[in-house]
Protein backbone atom coordinates (compact mmCIF):
# COMPACT_ATOMS: atom_id res chain seq x y z
CA MET A 1 0.34 0.11 -0.41
CA ASP A 2 1.20 3.68 -0.55
CA VAL A 3 0.48 5.03 2.31
CA GLU A 4 1.36 8.94 1.44
CA ARG A 5 -0.76 8.31 -1.41
CA GLU A 6 -3.91 7.05 0.52
CA LEU A 7 -3.43 9.95 2.85
CA LYS A 8 -3.42 12.59 0.61
CA GLU A 9 -6.68 11.20 -1.00
CA LEU A 10 -8.27 11.44 2.33
CA ALA A 11 -7.00 15.15 3.48
CA ASP A 12 -9.29 17.97 3.50
CA ALA A 13 -8.61 21.24 3.10
CA ARG A 14 -10.64 22.74 5.66
CA TYR A 15 -10.13 20.61 8.31
CA ARG A 16 -6.64 21.04 7.66
CA THR A 17 -7.23 24.87 8.00
CA PHE A 18 -9.00 24.24 11.17
CA HIS A 19 -6.43 22.13 12.76
CA LEU A 20 -3.69 24.18 12.43
CA SER A 21 -4.58 26.03 15.25
CA LEU A 22 -4.59 23.13 16.92
CA ILE A 23 -1.28 21.66 17.00
CA PRO A 24 1.26 25.20 16.90
CA GLY A 25 4.86 25.07 16.10
CA VAL A 26 3.82 22.26 13.86
CA GLU A 27 5.08 23.07 10.64
CA GLN A 28 2.19 23.88 8.46
CA GLU A 29 3.67 22.01 5.28
CA ARG A 30 3.86 18.82 7.06
CA VAL A 31 0.22 18.57 8.06
CA LEU A 32 -2.29 17.36 5.26
CA GLY A 33 -5.26 17.35 6.84
CA VAL A 34 -6.80 13.72 7.41
CA ARG A 35 -9.10 13.58 10.23
CA VAL A 36 -8.60 11.16 12.94
CA PRO A 37 -11.73 8.85 12.09
CA ASP A 38 -10.38 8.34 8.33
CA ILE A 39 -7.00 7.66 9.86
CA ARG A 40 -7.98 5.07 12.10
CA ALA A 41 -10.32 3.37 9.23
CA LEU A 42 -6.58 3.36 6.76
CA ALA A 43 -4.85 1.51 9.72
CA ARG A 44 -8.08 -1.11 9.85
CA ARG A 45 -7.70 -1.73 6.18
CA MET A 46 -3.87 -1.73 6.02
CA SER A 47 -2.57 -5.66 5.61
CA GLU A 48 -0.44 -7.13 8.75
CA GLU A 49 2.82 -6.47 5.67
CA ASP A 50 2.01 -2.77 5.32
CA LYS A 51 1.44 -1.93 9.05
CA ALA A 52 5.10 -4.11 9.81
CA GLU A 53 6.50 -1.72 7.52
CA PHE A 54 5.18 1.33 7.98
CA LEU A 55 5.88 0.88 11.57
CA ARG A 56 9.71 0.28 10.80
CA VAL A 57 10.20 3.23 8.85
CA LEU A 58 10.96 6.46 10.82
CA PRO A 59 11.40 9.53 10.80
CA HIS A 60 7.52 10.06 8.83
CA GLY A 61 7.50 13.53 6.45
CA TYR A 62 4.23 13.94 7.14
CA TYR A 63 2.10 14.73 10.92
CA ASP A 64 -0.67 12.54 9.41
CA GLU A 65 1.66 9.90 9.26
CA ASP A 66 2.85 9.89 12.60
CA MET A 67 -1.28 9.83 13.72
CA LEU A 68 -1.53 7.04 11.70
CA HIS A 69 1.80 5.39 13.33
CA ALA A 70 0.00 6.26 16.58
CA ALA A 71 -3.21 4.52 15.64
CA LEU A 72 -1.43 1.36 14.41
CA ILE A 73 0.71 1.35 17.67
CA SER A 74 -2.83 1.52 20.09
CA SER A 75 -3.92 -1.73 18.02
CA VAL A 76 -1.03 -3.63 18.93
CA ARG A 77 -2.18 -6.61 21.31
CA ASP A 78 1.27 -8.17 22.23
CA GLU A 79 2.22 -5.71 25.26
CA ASP A 80 5.95 -6.70 24.85
CA GLY A 81 5.65 -5.21 21.22
CA ALA A 82 3.36 -2.12 21.71
CA VAL A 83 6.47 -1.63 24.97
CA GLN A 84 8.98 -1.56 22.44
CA ALA A 85 6.90 0.49 19.22
CA VAL A 86 5.81 3.16 21.93
CA ALA A 87 9.70 3.56 22.94
CA ARG A 88 11.24 3.54 19.59
CA PHE A 89 8.45 5.93 18.39
CA LEU A 90 8.44 8.65 21.32
CA PRO A 91 11.85 10.09 20.14
CA TYR A 92 10.05 11.64 17.18
CA VAL A 93 7.10 12.58 18.84
CA ASP A 94 6.88 16.60 18.65
CA ASN A 95 3.42 17.50 19.63
CA TRP A 96 0.71 16.97 22.41
CA ALA A 97 -1.93 15.50 19.33
CA VAL A 98 0.47 12.63 18.37
CA CYS A 99 1.36 12.21 21.93
CA ASP A 100 -1.94 12.06 23.42
CA ALA A 101 -2.86 9.34 20.64
CA ILE A 102 -0.68 6.59 21.38
CA VAL A 103 -3.05 4.88 23.86
CA PRO A 104 -2.15 0.85 23.75
CA LYS A 105 -5.24 -1.10 24.16
CA CYS A 106 -3.08 -4.02 25.57
CA PHE A 107 -2.06 -1.88 28.41
CA SER A 108 -5.30 -1.94 29.66
CA ARG A 109 -3.83 -4.80 32.24
CA ALA A 110 -2.16 -2.11 33.89
CA SER A 111 1.09 -4.58 34.37
CA LEU A 112 4.07 -3.48 35.84
CA ARG A 113 6.04 -3.67 33.46
CA VAL A 114 3.87 -0.85 31.55
CA ARG A 115 3.73 1.09 34.69
CA ASP A 116 7.64 1.04 34.82
CA PHE A 117 8.02 2.07 31.52
CA ALA A 118 5.74 4.38 32.10
CA TYR A 119 7.77 5.86 35.14
CA GLU A 120 11.28 5.67 32.88
CA CYS A 121 9.43 7.73 30.25
CA ILE A 122 8.44 10.90 32.85
CA ALA A 123 11.87 11.35 33.70
CA SER A 124 13.03 11.27 30.03
CA GLU A 125 14.19 15.62 29.44
CA ARG A 126 11.87 15.33 26.21
CA LEU A 127 8.65 16.82 26.80
CA TYR A 128 6.48 14.16 24.98
CA THR A 129 7.86 10.95 26.02
CA ALA A 130 7.47 12.63 29.42
CA ARG A 131 3.46 13.54 28.85
CA TRP A 132 2.91 10.15 26.99
CA GLY A 133 4.64 8.77 30.56
CA ILE A 134 1.87 10.61 32.59
CA ASN A 135 -0.87 9.91 30.11
CA CYS A 136 -0.22 6.38 30.54
CA LEU A 137 -0.54 6.57 34.44
CA ARG A 138 -3.97 8.59 33.90
CA ALA A 139 -4.84 6.17 31.50
CA PHE A 140 -4.46 2.15 33.27
CA PHE A 141 -3.12 2.91 36.63
CA LEU A 142 -5.85 5.23 38.87
CA ASP A 143 -7.78 1.93 38.56
CA LYS A 144 -5.68 -1.69 38.36
CA ASN A 145 -1.95 -1.74 40.42
CA PHE A 146 -2.80 1.97 41.90
CA ASP A 147 -0.61 3.02 45.00
CA GLU A 148 0.54 6.46 45.76
CA ASP A 149 3.92 6.37 44.08
CA VAL A 150 2.08 6.69 40.98
CA LEU A 151 0.84 9.55 42.23
CA ALA A 152 4.14 10.48 44.03
CA LYS A 153 6.03 9.96 40.13
CA VAL A 154 3.60 12.70 38.79
CA ALA A 155 3.37 15.65 41.55
CA ALA A 156 7.22 15.85 40.32
CA VAL A 157 6.88 16.74 37.37
CA CYS A 158 6.98 20.25 36.00
CA GLY A 159 8.14 21.22 32.32
CA GLY A 160 6.11 24.04 30.84
CA TYR A 161 2.41 24.45 29.89
CA TYR A 162 2.55 20.66 27.68
CA LEU A 163 3.83 18.89 31.22
CA ASP A 164 1.30 20.65 33.47
CA MET A 165 -1.60 20.03 31.52
CA ALA A 166 -0.84 16.75 31.30
CA ALA A 167 -0.29 16.56 35.14
CA ALA A 168 -3.27 18.95 35.75
CA TRP A 169 -5.43 16.06 33.88
CA PHE A 170 -4.27 13.74 35.93
CA PHE A 171 -4.42 14.87 39.57
CA CYS A 172 -8.38 16.45 38.06
CA ASP A 173 -9.01 12.09 37.20
CA ALA A 174 -7.01 11.23 40.84
CA LEU A 175 -9.55 13.43 42.13
CA ILE A 176 -12.46 11.90 40.66
CA LYS A 177 -11.26 7.73 41.25
CA ARG A 178 -8.73 8.33 44.73
CA ARG A 179 -10.31 10.85 46.19
CA GLU A 180 -8.61 10.21 49.72
CA ASP A 181 -5.36 9.62 48.36
CA ALA A 182 -5.18 12.25 45.76
CA VAL A 183 -6.17 15.40 47.63
CA LYS A 184 -3.74 14.94 50.62
CA PHE A 185 -1.42 16.19 47.18
CA PHE A 186 -3.17 19.48 47.10
CA GLU A 187 -3.99 19.55 51.47
CA GLN A 188 0.57 19.41 51.86
CA GLY A 189 1.24 21.92 48.81
CA ARG A 190 3.13 18.54 46.85
CA LEU A 191 2.44 20.25 43.60
CA VAL A 192 3.71 23.29 41.48
CA ARG A 193 1.48 25.51 41.57
CA ASP A 194 1.05 25.75 38.45
CA VAL A 195 -0.25 22.30 38.16
CA HIS A 196 -2.35 22.82 41.37
CA VAL A 197 -4.07 25.39 40.06
CA LYS A 198 -5.01 23.84 36.86
CA ALA A 199 -5.76 20.60 38.46
CA VAL A 200 -8.22 22.26 40.81
CA ARG A 201 -9.69 24.05 37.65
CA LYS A 202 -10.67 21.30 35.68
CA ALA A 203 -12.03 19.57 38.88
CA CYS A 204 -14.12 22.36 39.31
CA GLU A 205 -15.56 21.83 35.64
CA SER A 206 -16.04 18.20 36.60
CA PHE A 207 -19.79 16.45 36.83
CA ARG A 208 -17.93 13.63 38.65
CA LEU A 209 -17.44 15.63 41.74
CA PRO A 210 -19.63 17.15 44.38
CA PRO A 211 -19.95 20.85 44.83
CA ASP A 212 -19.08 20.96 48.53
CA PHE A 213 -15.88 19.32 47.21
CA LYS A 214 -14.76 21.26 44.40
CA ALA A 215 -15.53 24.39 47.21
CA TYR A 216 -13.18 22.50 49.46
CA LEU A 217 -10.48 22.37 46.85
CA ARG A 218 -10.92 26.12 46.06
CA SER A 219 -10.26 26.99 49.90
CA LEU A 220 -7.00 25.01 50.13
CA PRO A 221 -3.77 27.79 49.94
CA LEU A 222 -1.71 27.67 47.04
CA PRO A 223 1.60 25.98 46.97
CA VAL A 224 4.81 28.54 47.43
CA GLN A 225 6.75 26.48 44.73
CA ALA A 226 7.08 27.27 41.16
CA CYS A 227 8.59 24.87 38.51
CA GLU A 228 12.09 25.25 37.68
CA GLU A 229 12.75 24.18 34.24
């Protein structure tokens, strides 16, 4: 399959114009404008040989190819293979959209190997590798194999808007799923100030937390520490 040709045939100029505003920093010439449902449909049409060949070749020229790569990794059924594929791809990820699209379904078993891999990613100096690690913990480790160390790992992260937002999203979900454990990080001022503020804002926007608890979160003092990047 000629994947580049297939993507170009699926490109939507109006969608491209809209989507470019959502991914600042991505070179405009790299964006074809293929909608995510069309990318996923293309992934389903690819043969196993096509998939293997496409995943083998990095880096890609187009953002849309990166999104297809993320979709293919997300469908890998073998945990070991998915970990290897994610690790190989992350150094080439340079924006939040591709980063957030990498969600291997086989990680739902929440194995300790995947958790430790996420920890390694969080410790990376590469922005989107660290963001992916936070996303992985949020998606898979606030239910199965949860322990407070998961919260502590994310609480220690800082590094600018895209990392702070991932951490805030994580702690919002943690307040919903693990309230007694998560709220201590707010009460004790253990979060970076920007993450604390963003997480409280997201929690207050959630329909899954009661009004009295939202008021309590808003009443807590802000942490003193700011992120030292």
